[in-house]
PDB file of all heavy atoms in Angstrom:
ATOM      1  N   TRP A   1     -79.056 -38.114 -75.948  1.00  0.00           N
ATOM      2  CA  TRP A   1     -77.619 -38.285 -75.794  1.00  0.00           C
ATOM      3  C   TRP A   1     -76.966 -37.260 -76.700  1.00  0.00           C
ATOM      4  O   TRP A   1     -77.336 -37.144 -77.865  1.00  0.00           O
ATOM      5  CB  TRP A   1     -77.263 -39.683 -76.274  1.00  0.00           C
ATOM      6  CG  TRP A   1     -75.956 -40.222 -75.830  1.00  0.00           C
ATOM      7  CD1 TRP A   1     -74.735 -39.698 -76.083  1.00  0.00           C
ATOM      8  CD2 TRP A   1     -75.746 -41.405 -75.079  1.00  0.00           C
ATOM      9  NE1 TRP A   1     -73.762 -40.487 -75.543  1.00  0.00           N
ATOM     10  CE2 TRP A   1     -74.362 -41.552 -74.919  1.00  0.00           C
ATOM     11  CE3 TRP A   1     -76.576 -42.359 -74.539  1.00  0.00           C
ATOM     12  CZ2 TRP A   1     -73.790 -42.613 -74.238  1.00  0.00           C
ATOM     13  CZ3 TRP A   1     -76.012 -43.409 -73.867  1.00  0.00           C
ATOM     14  CH2 TRP A   1     -74.637 -43.535 -73.710  1.00  0.00           C
ATOM     15  N   SER A   2     -75.999 -36.513 -76.198  1.00  0.00           N
ATOM     16  CA  SER A   2     -75.334 -35.518 -77.047  1.00  0.00           C
ATOM     17  C   SER A   2     -74.580 -36.223 -78.170  1.00  0.00           C
ATOM     18  O   SER A   2     -74.123 -37.351 -78.013  1.00  0.00           O
ATOM     19  CB  SER A   2     -74.385 -34.641 -76.223  1.00  0.00           C
ATOM     20  OG  SER A   2     -73.325 -35.407 -75.686  1.00  0.00           O
ATOM     21  N   ARG A   3     -74.482 -35.572 -79.321  1.00  0.00           N
ATOM     22  CA  ARG A   3     -73.839 -36.180 -80.494  1.00  0.00           C
ATOM     23  C   ARG A   3     -72.386 -36.578 -80.221  1.00  0.00           C
ATOM     24  O   ARG A   3     -71.887 -37.529 -80.786  1.00  0.00           O
ATOM     25  CB  ARG A   3     -73.867 -35.219 -81.684  1.00  0.00           C
ATOM     26  CG  ARG A   3     -75.236 -34.797 -82.090  1.00  0.00           C
ATOM     27  CD  ARG A   3     -75.791 -35.681 -83.183  1.00  0.00           C
ATOM     28  NE  ARG A   3     -77.064 -35.167 -83.642  1.00  0.00           N
ATOM     29  CZ  ARG A   3     -78.233 -35.545 -83.168  1.00  0.00           C
ATOM     30  NH1 ARG A   3     -78.292 -36.414 -82.203  1.00  0.00           N
ATOM     31  NH2 ARG A   3     -79.351 -35.051 -83.635  1.00  0.00           N
ATOM     32  N   ASP A   4     -71.718 -35.832 -79.348  1.00  0.00           N
ATOM     33  CA  ASP A   4     -70.320 -36.142 -79.040  1.00  0.00           C
ATOM     34  C   ASP A   4     -70.176 -37.202 -77.947  1.00  0.00           C
ATOM     35  O   ASP A   4     -69.069 -37.575 -77.576  1.00  0.00           O
ATOM     36  CB  ASP A   4     -69.547 -34.878 -78.651  1.00  0.00           C
ATOM     37  CG  ASP A   4     -70.108 -34.188 -77.421  1.00  0.00           C
ATOM     38  OD1 ASP A   4     -70.986 -34.755 -76.726  1.00  0.00           O
ATOM     39  OD2 ASP A   4     -69.670 -33.053 -77.146  1.00  0.00           O
ATOM     40  N   GLY A   5     -71.308 -37.702 -77.411  1.00  0.00           N
ATOM     41  CA  GLY A   5     -71.285 -38.754 -76.408  1.00  0.00           C
ATOM     42  C   GLY A   5     -70.866 -38.309 -75.014  1.00  0.00           C
ATOM     43  O   GLY A   5     -70.632 -39.136 -74.151  1.00  0.00           O
ATOM     44  N   ARG A   6     -70.811 -36.996 -74.788  1.00  0.00           N
ATOM     45  CA  ARG A   6     -70.346 -36.503 -73.492  1.00  0.00           C
ATOM     46  C   ARG A   6     -71.455 -36.352 -72.457  1.00  0.00           C
ATOM     47  O   ARG A   6     -71.186 -36.326 -71.266  1.00  0.00           O
ATOM     48  CB  ARG A   6     -69.653 -35.148 -73.690  1.00  0.00           C
ATOM     49  CG  ARG A   6     -68.357 -35.267 -74.457  1.00  0.00           C
ATOM     50  CD  ARG A   6     -67.709 -33.929 -74.729  1.00  0.00           C
ATOM     51  NE  ARG A   6     -67.736 -33.076 -73.550  1.00  0.00           N
ATOM     52  CZ  ARG A   6     -67.818 -31.749 -73.612  1.00  0.00           C
ATOM     53  NH1 ARG A   6     -67.883 -31.131 -74.763  1.00  0.00           N
ATOM     54  NH2 ARG A   6     -67.826 -31.049 -72.505  1.00  0.00           N
ATOM     55  N   PHE A   7     -72.725 -36.195 -72.891  1.00  0.00           N
ATOM     56  CA  PHE A   7     -73.816 -35.912 -71.957  1.00  0.00           C
ATOM     57  C   PHE A   7     -75.026 -36.791 -72.232  1.00  0.00           C
ATOM     58  O   PHE A   7     -75.355 -37.081 -73.374  1.00  0.00           O
ATOM     59  CB  PHE A   7     -74.261 -34.445 -72.080  1.00  0.00           C
ATOM     60  CG  PHE A   7     -73.187 -33.461 -71.767  1.00  0.00           C
ATOM     61  CD1 PHE A   7     -72.519 -32.795 -72.785  1.00  0.00           C
ATOM     62  CD2 PHE A   7     -72.835 -33.188 -70.455  1.00  0.00           C
ATOM     63  CE1 PHE A   7     -71.517 -31.873 -72.501  1.00  0.00           C
ATOM     64  CE2 PHE A   7     -71.844 -32.275 -70.160  1.00  0.00           C
ATOM     65  CZ  PHE A   7     -71.176 -31.617 -71.191  1.00  0.00           C
ATOM     66  N   LEU A   8     -75.705 -37.177 -71.160  1.00  0.00           N
ATOM     67  CA  LEU A   8     -76.973 -37.886 -71.225  1.00  0.00           C
ATOM     68  C   LEU A   8     -78.018 -36.988 -70.583  1.00  0.00           C
ATOM     69  O   LEU A   8     -77.887 -36.607 -69.418  1.00  0.00           O
ATOM     70  CB  LEU A   8     -76.870 -39.213 -70.461  1.00  0.00           C
ATOM     71  CG  LEU A   8     -78.110 -40.083 -70.423  1.00  0.00           C
ATOM     72  CD1 LEU A   8     -78.456 -40.583 -71.828  1.00  0.00           C
ATOM     73  CD2 LEU A   8     -77.884 -41.270 -69.490  1.00  0.00           C
ATOM     74  N   THR A   9     -79.040 -36.608 -71.340  1.00  0.00           N
ATOM     75  CA  THR A   9     -80.119 -35.772 -70.811  1.00  0.00           C
ATOM     76  C   THR A   9     -81.210 -36.689 -70.278  1.00  0.00           C
ATOM     77  O   THR A   9     -81.554 -37.688 -70.908  1.00  0.00           O
ATOM     78  CB  THR A   9     -80.677 -34.843 -71.905  1.00  0.00           C
ATOM     79  OG1 THR A   9     -79.594 -34.053 -72.402  1.00  0.00           O
ATOM     80  CG2 THR A   9     -81.753 -33.939 -71.371  1.00  0.00           C
ATOM     81  N   ILE A  10     -81.742 -36.350 -69.102  1.00  0.00           N
ATOM     82  CA  ILE A  10     -82.699 -37.226 -68.426  1.00  0.00           C
ATOM     83  C   ILE A  10     -83.886 -36.442 -67.873  1.00  0.00           C
ATOM     84  O   ILE A  10     -83.766 -35.270 -67.557  1.00  0.00           O
ATOM     85  CB  ILE A  10     -82.026 -37.987 -67.253  1.00  0.00           C
ATOM     86  CG1 ILE A  10     -81.451 -37.000 -66.232  1.00  0.00           C
ATOM     87  CG2 ILE A  10     -80.972 -38.943 -67.751  1.00  0.00           C
ATOM     88  CD1 ILE A  10     -80.952 -37.633 -64.951  1.00  0.00           C
ATOM     89  N   PHE A  11     -85.049 -37.145 -67.795  1.00  0.00           N
ATOM     90  CA  PHE A  11     -86.128 -36.660 -66.937  1.00  0.00           C
ATOM     91  C   PHE A  11     -85.713 -37.075 -65.542  1.00  0.00           C
ATOM     92  O   PHE A  11     -85.430 -38.253 -65.295  1.00  0.00           O
ATOM     93  CB  PHE A  11     -87.472 -37.296 -67.286  1.00  0.00           C
ATOM     94  CG  PHE A  11     -88.097 -36.764 -68.530  1.00  0.00           C
ATOM     95  CD1 PHE A  11     -88.573 -37.631 -69.498  1.00  0.00           C
ATOM     96  CD2 PHE A  11     -88.232 -35.410 -68.732  1.00  0.00           C
ATOM     97  CE1 PHE A  11     -89.160 -37.148 -70.652  1.00  0.00           C
ATOM     98  CE2 PHE A  11     -88.817 -34.918 -69.878  1.00  0.00           C
ATOM     99  CZ  PHE A  11     -89.281 -35.791 -70.844  1.00  0.00           C
ATOM    100  N   ASP A  12     -85.682 -36.152 -64.644  1.00  0.00           N
ATOM    101  CA  ASP A  12     -85.191 -36.378 -63.288  1.00  0.00           C
ATOM    102  C   ASP A  12     -86.368 -36.139 -62.345  1.00  0.00           C
ATOM    103  O   ASP A  12     -86.743 -35.004 -62.087  1.00  0.00           O
ATOM    104  CB  ASP A  12     -84.044 -35.391 -63.031  1.00  0.00           C
ATOM    105  CG  ASP A  12     -83.264 -35.696 -61.777  1.00  0.00           C
ATOM    106  OD1 ASP A  12     -83.617 -36.642 -61.052  1.00  0.00           O
ATOM    107  OD2 ASP A  12     -82.293 -34.958 -61.528  1.00  0.00           O
ATOM    108  N   ARG A  13     -86.961 -37.228 -61.852  1.00  0.00           N
ATOM    109  CA  ARG A  13     -88.181 -37.140 -61.045  1.00  0.00           C
ATOM    110  C   ARG A  13     -87.891 -37.499 -59.600  1.00  0.00           C
ATOM    111  O   ARG A  13     -87.150 -38.436 -59.316  1.00  0.00           O
ATOM    112  CB  ARG A  13     -89.227 -38.082 -61.614  1.00  0.00           C
ATOM    113  CG  ARG A  13     -90.487 -38.159 -60.772  1.00  0.00           C
ATOM    114  CD  ARG A  13     -91.514 -39.009 -61.424  1.00  0.00           C
ATOM    115  NE  ARG A  13     -92.316 -38.132 -62.246  1.00  0.00           N
ATOM    116  CZ  ARG A  13     -93.202 -38.546 -63.134  1.00  0.00           C
ATOM    117  NH1 ARG A  13     -93.399 -39.818 -63.329  1.00  0.00           N
ATOM    118  NH2 ARG A  13     -93.894 -37.684 -63.819  1.00  0.00           N
ATOM    119  N   GLU A  14     -88.512 -36.749 -58.694  1.00  0.00           N
ATOM    120  CA  GLU A  14     -88.388 -37.042 -57.272  1.00  0.00           C
ATOM    121  C   GLU A  14     -88.844 -38.471 -56.994  1.00  0.00           C
ATOM    122  O   GLU A  14     -89.779 -38.966 -57.616  1.00  0.00           O
ATOM    123  CB  GLU A  14     -89.271 -36.090 -56.457  1.00  0.00           C
ATOM    124  CG  GLU A  14     -88.874 -34.641 -56.552  1.00  0.00           C
ATOM    125  CD  GLU A  14     -89.881 -33.727 -55.852  1.00  0.00           C
ATOM    126  OE1 GLU A  14     -91.029 -34.137 -55.609  1.00  0.00           O
ATOM    127  OE2 GLU A  14     -89.494 -32.599 -55.548  1.00  0.00           O
ATOM    128  N   GLY A  15     -88.167 -39.130 -56.049  1.00  0.00           N
ATOM    129  CA  GLY A  15     -88.507 -40.501 -55.696  1.00  0.00           C
ATOM    130  C   GLY A  15     -89.802 -40.618 -54.922  1.00  0.00           C
ATOM    131  O   GLY A  15     -90.466 -41.633 -54.959  1.00  0.00           O
ATOM    132  N   GLY A  16     -90.193 -39.578 -54.202  1.00  0.00           N
ATOM    133  CA  GLY A  16     -91.417 -39.606 -53.414  1.00  0.00           C
ATOM    134  C   GLY A  16     -92.060 -38.244 -53.402  1.00  0.00           C
ATOM    135  O   GLY A  16     -91.686 -37.351 -54.155  1.00  0.00           O
ATOM    136  N   GLY A  17     -93.027 -38.065 -52.552  1.00  0.00           N
ATOM    137  CA  GLY A  17     -93.717 -36.778 -52.463  1.00  0.00           C
ATOM    138  C   GLY A  17     -94.563 -36.524 -53.691  1.00  0.00           C
ATOM    139  O   GLY A  17     -95.234 -37.408 -54.191  1.00  0.00           O
ATOM    140  N   ASN A  18     -94.515 -35.294 -54.216  1.00  0.00           N
ATOM    141  CA  ASN A  18     -95.352 -34.979 -55.375  1.00  0.00           C
ATOM    142  C   ASN A  18     -94.691 -35.353 -56.697  1.00  0.00           C
ATOM    143  O   ASN A  18     -95.254 -35.129 -57.743  1.00  0.00           O
ATOM    144  CB  ASN A  18     -95.763 -33.505 -55.368  1.00  0.00           C
ATOM    145  CG  ASN A  18     -94.582 -32.583 -55.235  1.00  0.00           C
ATOM    146  OD1 ASN A  18     -93.445 -32.984 -55.443  1.00  0.00           O
ATOM    147  ND2 ASN A  18     -94.840 -31.343 -54.885  1.00  0.00           N
ATOM    148  N   ARG A  19     -93.470 -35.916 -56.670  1.00  0.00           N
ATOM    149  CA  ARG A  19     -92.779 -36.483 -57.832  1.00  0.00           C
ATOM    150  C   ARG A  19     -92.641 -35.501 -58.994  1.00  0.00           C
ATOM    151  O   ARG A  19     -92.871 -35.843 -60.137  1.00  0.00           O
ATOM    152  CB  ARG A  19     -93.449 -37.779 -58.259  1.00  0.00           C
ATOM    153  CG  ARG A  19     -93.443 -38.791 -57.130  1.00  0.00           C
ATOM    154  CD  ARG A  19     -93.917 -40.174 -57.463  1.00  0.00           C
ATOM    155  NE  ARG A  19     -93.592 -40.746 -58.726  1.00  0.00           N
ATOM    156  CZ  ARG A  19     -92.442 -41.372 -59.019  1.00  0.00           C
ATOM    157  NH1 ARG A  19     -91.491 -41.445 -58.118  1.00  0.00           N
ATOM    158  NH2 ARG A  19     -92.252 -41.910 -60.188  1.00  0.00           N
ATOM    159  N   LEU A  20     -92.245 -34.288 -58.692  1.00  0.00           N
ATOM    160  CA  LEU A  20     -92.045 -33.276 -59.723  1.00  0.00           C
ATOM    161  C   LEU A  20     -90.874 -33.651 -60.626  1.00  0.00           C
ATOM    162  O   LEU A  20     -89.936 -34.323 -60.209  1.00  0.00           O
ATOM    163  CB  LEU A  20     -91.794 -31.912 -59.082  1.00  0.00           C
ATOM    164  CG  LEU A  20     -92.952 -31.363 -58.245  1.00  0.00           C
ATOM    165  CD1 LEU A  20     -92.532 -30.089 -57.528  1.00  0.00           C
ATOM    166  CD2 LEU A  20     -94.167 -31.111 -59.123  1.00  0.00           C
ATOM    167  N   ILE A  21     -90.925 -33.196 -61.880  1.00  0.00           N
ATOM    168  CA  ILE A  21     -89.905 -33.530 -62.873  1.00  0.00           C
ATOM    169  C   ILE A  21     -89.094 -32.294 -63.231  1.00  0.00           C
ATOM    170  O   ILE A  21     -89.619 -31.189 -63.318  1.00  0.00           O
ATOM    171  CB  ILE A  21     -90.554 -34.077 -64.162  1.00  0.00           C
ATOM    172  CG1 ILE A  21     -91.307 -35.362 -63.889  1.00  0.00           C
ATOM    173  CG2 ILE A  21     -89.511 -34.315 -65.245  1.00  0.00           C
ATOM    174  CD1 ILE A  21     -92.044 -35.905 -65.092  1.00  0.00           C
ATOM    175  N   GLN A  22     -87.812 -32.508 -63.468  1.00  0.00           N
ATOM    176  CA  GLN A  22     -86.949 -31.481 -64.043  1.00  0.00           C
ATOM    177  C   GLN A  22     -86.119 -32.159 -65.131  1.00  0.00           C
ATOM    178  O   GLN A  22     -86.032 -33.380 -65.177  1.00  0.00           O
ATOM    179  CB  GLN A  22     -86.055 -30.856 -62.982  1.00  0.00           C
ATOM    180  CG  GLN A  22     -85.153 -31.839 -62.276  1.00  0.00           C
ATOM    181  CD  GLN A  22     -84.489 -31.251 -61.041  1.00  0.00           C
ATOM    182  OE1 GLN A  22     -84.862 -30.206 -60.548  1.00  0.00           O
ATOM    183  NE2 GLN A  22     -83.493 -31.952 -60.539  1.00  0.00           N
ATOM    184  N   LEU A  23     -85.542 -31.371 -66.027  1.00  0.00           N
ATOM    185  CA  LEU A  23     -84.623 -31.913 -67.030  1.00  0.00           C
ATOM    186  C   LEU A  23     -83.211 -31.702 -66.525  1.00  0.00           C
ATOM    187  O   LEU A  23     -82.815 -30.573 -66.231  1.00  0.00           O
ATOM    188  CB  LEU A  23     -84.803 -31.204 -68.371  1.00  0.00           C
ATOM    189  CG  LEU A  23     -85.893 -31.752 -69.277  1.00  0.00           C
ATOM    190  CD1 LEU A  23     -86.162 -30.811 -70.433  1.00  0.00           C
ATOM    191  CD2 LEU A  23     -85.526 -33.125 -69.794  1.00  0.00           C
ATOM    192  N   SER A  24     -82.483 -32.790 -66.390  1.00  0.00           N
ATOM    193  CA  SER A  24     -81.110 -32.730 -65.915  1.00  0.00           C
ATOM    194  C   SER A  24     -80.205 -33.386 -66.943  1.00  0.00           C
ATOM    195  O   SER A  24     -80.665 -34.046 -67.871  1.00  0.00           O
ATOM    196  CB  SER A  24     -80.971 -33.459 -64.573  1.00  0.00           C
ATOM    197  OG  SER A  24     -81.731 -32.826 -63.575  1.00  0.00           O
ATOM    198  N   THR A  25     -78.919 -33.210 -66.744  1.00  0.00           N
ATOM    199  CA  THR A  25     -77.921 -33.816 -67.622  1.00  0.00           C
ATOM    200  C   THR A  25     -76.846 -34.471 -66.776  1.00  0.00           C
ATOM    201  O   THR A  25     -76.433 -33.924 -65.763  1.00  0.00           O
ATOM    202  CB  THR A  25     -77.304 -32.754 -68.551  1.00  0.00           C
ATOM    203  OG1 THR A  25     -78.337 -32.244 -69.392  1.00  0.00           O
ATOM    204  CG2 THR A  25     -76.218 -33.341 -69.414  1.00  0.00           C
ATOM    205  N   ILE A  26     -76.426 -35.638 -67.223  1.00  0.00           N
ATOM    206  CA  ILE A  26     -75.353 -36.360 -66.548  1.00  0.00           C
ATOM    207  C   ILE A  26     -74.126 -36.333 -67.461  1.00  0.00           C
ATOM    208  O   ILE A  26     -74.183 -36.839 -68.587  1.00  0.00           O
ATOM    209  CB  ILE A  26     -75.752 -37.825 -66.264  1.00  0.00           C
ATOM    210  CG1 ILE A  26     -76.990 -37.887 -65.376  1.00  0.00           C
ATOM    211  CG2 ILE A  26     -74.588 -38.581 -65.636  1.00  0.00           C
ATOM    212  CD1 ILE A  26     -77.560 -39.282 -65.201  1.00  0.00           C
ATOM    213  N   PRO A  27     -73.019 -35.736 -66.997  1.00  0.00           N
ATOM    214  CA  PRO A  27     -71.776 -35.849 -67.769  1.00  0.00           C
ATOM    215  C   PRO A  27     -71.312 -37.310 -67.715  1.00  0.00           C
ATOM    216  O   PRO A  27     -71.361 -37.927 -66.657  1.00  0.00           O
ATOM    217  CB  PRO A  27     -70.787 -34.946 -67.038  1.00  0.00           C
ATOM    218  CG  PRO A  27     -71.587 -34.186 -66.034  1.00  0.00           C
ATOM    219  CD  PRO A  27     -72.847 -34.936 -65.800  1.00  0.00           C
ATOM    220  N   LEU A  28     -70.896 -37.854 -68.828  1.00  0.00           N
ATOM    221  CA  LEU A  28     -70.526 -39.265 -68.859  1.00  0.00           C
ATOM    222  C   LEU A  28     -69.036 -39.493 -68.621  1.00  0.00           C
ATOM    223  O   LEU A  28     -68.520 -40.582 -68.841  1.00  0.00           O
ATOM    224  CB  LEU A  28     -70.985 -39.897 -70.165  1.00  0.00           C
ATOM    225  CG  LEU A  28     -72.508 -39.897 -70.307  1.00  0.00           C
ATOM    226  CD1 LEU A  28     -72.928 -40.431 -71.654  1.00  0.00           C
ATOM    227  CD2 LEU A  28     -73.164 -40.679 -69.185  1.00  0.00           C
ATOM    228  N   SER A  29     -68.371 -38.448 -68.152  1.00  0.00           N
ATOM    229  CA  SER A  29     -66.983 -38.587 -67.720  1.00  0.00           C
ATOM    230  C   SER A  29     -66.811 -37.737 -66.463  1.00  0.00           C
ATOM    231  O   SER A  29     -67.698 -36.973 -66.096  1.00  0.00           O
ATOM    232  CB  SER A  29     -66.019 -38.130 -68.818  1.00  0.00           C
ATOM    233  OG  SER A  29     -66.232 -36.771 -69.110  1.00  0.00           O
ATOM    234  N   GLY A  30     -65.694 -37.877 -65.808  1.00  0.00           N
ATOM    235  CA  GLY A  30     -65.466 -37.115 -64.578  1.00  0.00           C
ATOM    236  C   GLY A  30     -66.304 -37.644 -63.437  1.00  0.00           C
ATOM    237  O   GLY A  30     -66.497 -38.853 -63.295  1.00  0.00           O
ATOM    238  N   ASP A  31     -66.890 -36.732 -62.642  1.00  0.00           N
ATOM    239  CA  ASP A  31     -67.639 -37.144 -61.448  1.00  0.00           C
ATOM    240  C   ASP A  31     -69.039 -37.670 -61.738  1.00  0.00           C
ATOM    241  O   ASP A  31     -69.701 -38.208 -60.875  1.00  0.00           O
ATOM    242  CB  ASP A  31     -67.707 -35.997 -60.444  1.00  0.00           C
ATOM    243  CG  ASP A  31     -68.545 -34.820 -60.935  1.00  0.00           C
ATOM    244  OD1 ASP A  31     -69.146 -34.895 -62.034  1.00  0.00           O
ATOM    245  OD2 ASP A  31     -68.596 -33.817 -60.216  1.00  0.00           O
ATOM    246  N   ARG A  32     -69.528 -37.502 -62.951  1.00  0.00           N
ATOM    247  CA  ARG A  32     -70.866 -37.956 -63.361  1.00  0.00           C
ATOM    248  C   ARG A  32     -71.971 -37.413 -62.464  1.00  0.00           C
ATOM    249  O   ARG A  32     -72.995 -38.050 -62.277  1.00  0.00           O
ATOM    250  CB  ARG A  32     -70.923 -39.470 -63.415  1.00  0.00           C
ATOM    251  CG  ARG A  32     -70.067 -40.056 -64.493  1.00  0.00           C
ATOM    252  CD  ARG A  32     -70.297 -41.521 -64.630  1.00  0.00           C
ATOM    253  NE  ARG A  32     -69.563 -42.027 -65.781  1.00  0.00           N
ATOM    254  CZ  ARG A  32     -69.637 -43.254 -66.209  1.00  0.00           C
ATOM    255  NH1 ARG A  32     -70.398 -44.108 -65.588  1.00  0.00           N
ATOM    256  NH2 ARG A  32     -68.951 -43.626 -67.246  1.00  0.00           N
ATOM    257  N   LYS A  33     -71.769 -36.264 -61.925  1.00  0.00           N
ATOM    258  CA  LYS A  33     -72.786 -35.656 -61.063  1.00  0.00           C
ATOM    259  C   LYS A  33     -73.812 -34.923 -61.928  1.00  0.00           C
ATOM    260  O   LYS A  33     -73.462 -34.008 -62.672  1.00  0.00           O
ATOM    261  CB  LYS A  33     -72.113 -34.684 -60.097  1.00  0.00           C
ATOM    262  CG  LYS A  33     -73.076 -34.060 -59.128  1.00  0.00           C
ATOM    263  CD  LYS A  33     -72.324 -33.200 -58.138  1.00  0.00           C
ATOM    264  CE  LYS A  33     -73.230 -32.322 -57.387  1.00  0.00           C
ATOM    265  NZ  LYS A  33     -73.861 -32.543 -56.293  1.00  0.00           N
ATOM    266  N   PRO A  34     -75.107 -35.329 -61.846  1.00  0.00           N
ATOM    267  CA  PRO A  34     -76.140 -34.671 -62.650  1.00  0.00           C
ATOM    268  C   PRO A  34     -76.280 -33.196 -62.294  1.00  0.00           C
ATOM    269  O   PRO A  34     -76.106 -32.810 -61.140  1.00  0.00           O
ATOM    270  CB  PRO A  34     -77.422 -35.425 -62.279  1.00  0.00           C
ATOM    271  CG  PRO A  34     -76.964 -36.704 -61.675  1.00  0.00           C
ATOM    272  CD  PRO A  34     -75.644 -36.414 -61.036  1.00  0.00           C
ATOM    273  N   PHE A  35     -76.594 -32.389 -63.292  1.00  0.00           N
ATOM    274  CA  PHE A  35     -76.886 -30.980 -63.055  1.00  0.00           C
ATOM    275  C   PHE A  35     -78.187 -30.620 -63.765  1.00  0.00           C
ATOM    276  O   PHE A  35     -78.533 -31.186 -64.793  1.00  0.00           O
ATOM    277  CB  PHE A  35     -75.721 -30.074 -63.489  1.00  0.00           C
ATOM    278  CG  PHE A  35     -75.363 -30.162 -64.940  1.00  0.00           C
ATOM    279  CD1 PHE A  35     -75.977 -29.344 -65.886  1.00  0.00           C
ATOM    280  CD2 PHE A  35     -74.396 -31.064 -65.372  1.00  0.00           C
ATOM    281  CE1 PHE A  35     -75.635 -29.416 -67.220  1.00  0.00           C
ATOM    282  CE2 PHE A  35     -74.046 -31.137 -66.706  1.00  0.00           C
ATOM    283  CZ  PHE A  35     -74.667 -30.323 -67.639  1.00  0.00           C
ATOM    284  N   VAL A  36     -78.923 -29.681 -63.171  1.00  0.00           N
ATOM    285  CA  VAL A  36     -80.232 -29.282 -63.674  1.00  0.00           C
ATOM    286  C   VAL A  36     -80.063 -28.300 -64.828  1.00  0.00           C
ATOM    287  O   VAL A  36     -79.299 -27.338 -64.737  1.00  0.00           O
ATOM    288  CB  VAL A  36     -81.074 -28.632 -62.550  1.00  0.00           C
ATOM    289  CG1 VAL A  36     -82.397 -28.126 -63.085  1.00  0.00           C
ATOM    290  CG2 VAL A  36     -81.286 -29.627 -61.418  1.00  0.00           C
ATOM    291  N   VAL A  37     -80.799 -28.548 -65.925  1.00  0.00           N
ATOM    292  CA  VAL A  37     -80.823 -27.628 -67.060  1.00  0.00           C
ATOM    293  C   VAL A  37     -82.162 -26.885 -67.088  1.00  0.00           C
ATOM    294  O   VAL A  37     -82.200 -25.684 -67.277  1.00  0.00           O
ATOM    295  CB  VAL A  37     -80.584 -28.364 -68.393  1.00  0.00           C
ATOM    296  CG1 VAL A  37     -80.586 -27.384 -69.562  1.00  0.00           C
ATOM    297  CG2 VAL A  37     -79.282 -29.152 -68.348  1.00  0.00           C
ATOM    298  N   VAL A  38     -83.269 -27.609 -66.897  1.00  0.00           N
ATOM    299  CA  VAL A  38     -84.601 -27.002 -66.817  1.00  0.00           C
ATOM    300  C   VAL A  38     -85.171 -27.396 -65.461  1.00  0.00           C
ATOM    301  O   VAL A  38     -85.467 -28.567 -65.218  1.00  0.00           O
ATOM    302  CB  VAL A  38     -85.530 -27.491 -67.946  1.00  0.00           C
ATOM    303  CG1 VAL A  38     -86.922 -26.885 -67.800  1.00  0.00           C
ATOM    304  CG2 VAL A  38     -84.941 -27.162 -69.315  1.00  0.00           C
ATOM    305  N   PRO A  39     -85.297 -26.411 -64.550  1.00  0.00           N
ATOM    306  CA  PRO A  39     -85.763 -26.739 -63.201  1.00  0.00           C
ATOM    307  C   PRO A  39     -87.216 -27.213 -63.191  1.00  0.00           C
ATOM    308  O   PRO A  39     -87.946 -27.058 -64.157  1.00  0.00           O
ATOM    309  CB  PRO A  39     -85.624 -25.427 -62.433  1.00  0.00           C
ATOM    310  CG  PRO A  39     -85.277 -24.380 -63.409  1.00  0.00           C
ATOM    311  CD  PRO A  39     -85.017 -25.016 -64.734  1.00  0.00           C
ATOM    312  N   THR A  40     -87.591 -27.777 -62.058  1.00  0.00           N
ATOM    313  CA  THR A  40     -88.954 -28.258 -61.851  1.00  0.00           C
ATOM    314  C   THR A  40     -89.959 -27.144 -62.129  1.00  0.00           C
ATOM    315  O   THR A  40     -89.771 -26.012 -61.702  1.00  0.00           O
ATOM    316  CB  THR A  40     -89.119 -28.738 -60.398  1.00  0.00           C
ATOM    317  OG1 THR A  40     -88.171 -29.773 -60.169  1.00  0.00           O
ATOM    318  CG2 THR A  40     -90.511 -29.246 -60.137  1.00  0.00           C
ATOM    319  N   VAL A  41     -90.986 -27.494 -62.886  1.00  0.00           N
ATOM    320  CA  VAL A  41     -92.062 -26.556 -63.183  1.00  0.00           C
ATOM    321  C   VAL A  41     -93.372 -27.178 -62.734  1.00  0.00           C
ATOM    322  O   VAL A  41     -93.496 -28.396 -62.699  1.00  0.00           O
ATOM    323  CB  VAL A  41     -92.137 -26.224 -64.696  1.00  0.00           C
ATOM    324  CG1 VAL A  41     -90.888 -25.514 -65.163  1.00  0.00           C
ATOM    325  CG2 VAL A  41     -92.375 -27.462 -65.535  1.00  0.00           C
ATOM    326  N   PRO A  42     -94.359 -26.359 -62.394  1.00  0.00           N
ATOM    327  CA  PRO A  42     -95.664 -26.941 -62.089  1.00  0.00           C
ATOM    328  C   PRO A  42     -96.287 -27.451 -63.384  1.00  0.00           C
ATOM    329  O   PRO A  42     -96.245 -26.766 -64.401  1.00  0.00           O
ATOM    330  CB  PRO A  42     -96.450 -25.763 -61.511  1.00  0.00           C
ATOM    331  CG  PRO A  42     -95.762 -24.551 -62.023  1.00  0.00           C
ATOM    332  CD  PRO A  42     -94.334 -24.925 -62.248  1.00  0.00           C
TER     333      PRO A  42
END
């Protein structure tokens, strides 16, 4: 969680398939639409 309380960083894993993980962030205000910070890696 960012120190200012504005962002929540998450492991963002696919619901099915090979279930790859990426690091995403959810803004805790506004539209709360997650965005990718570290894309899926093998």
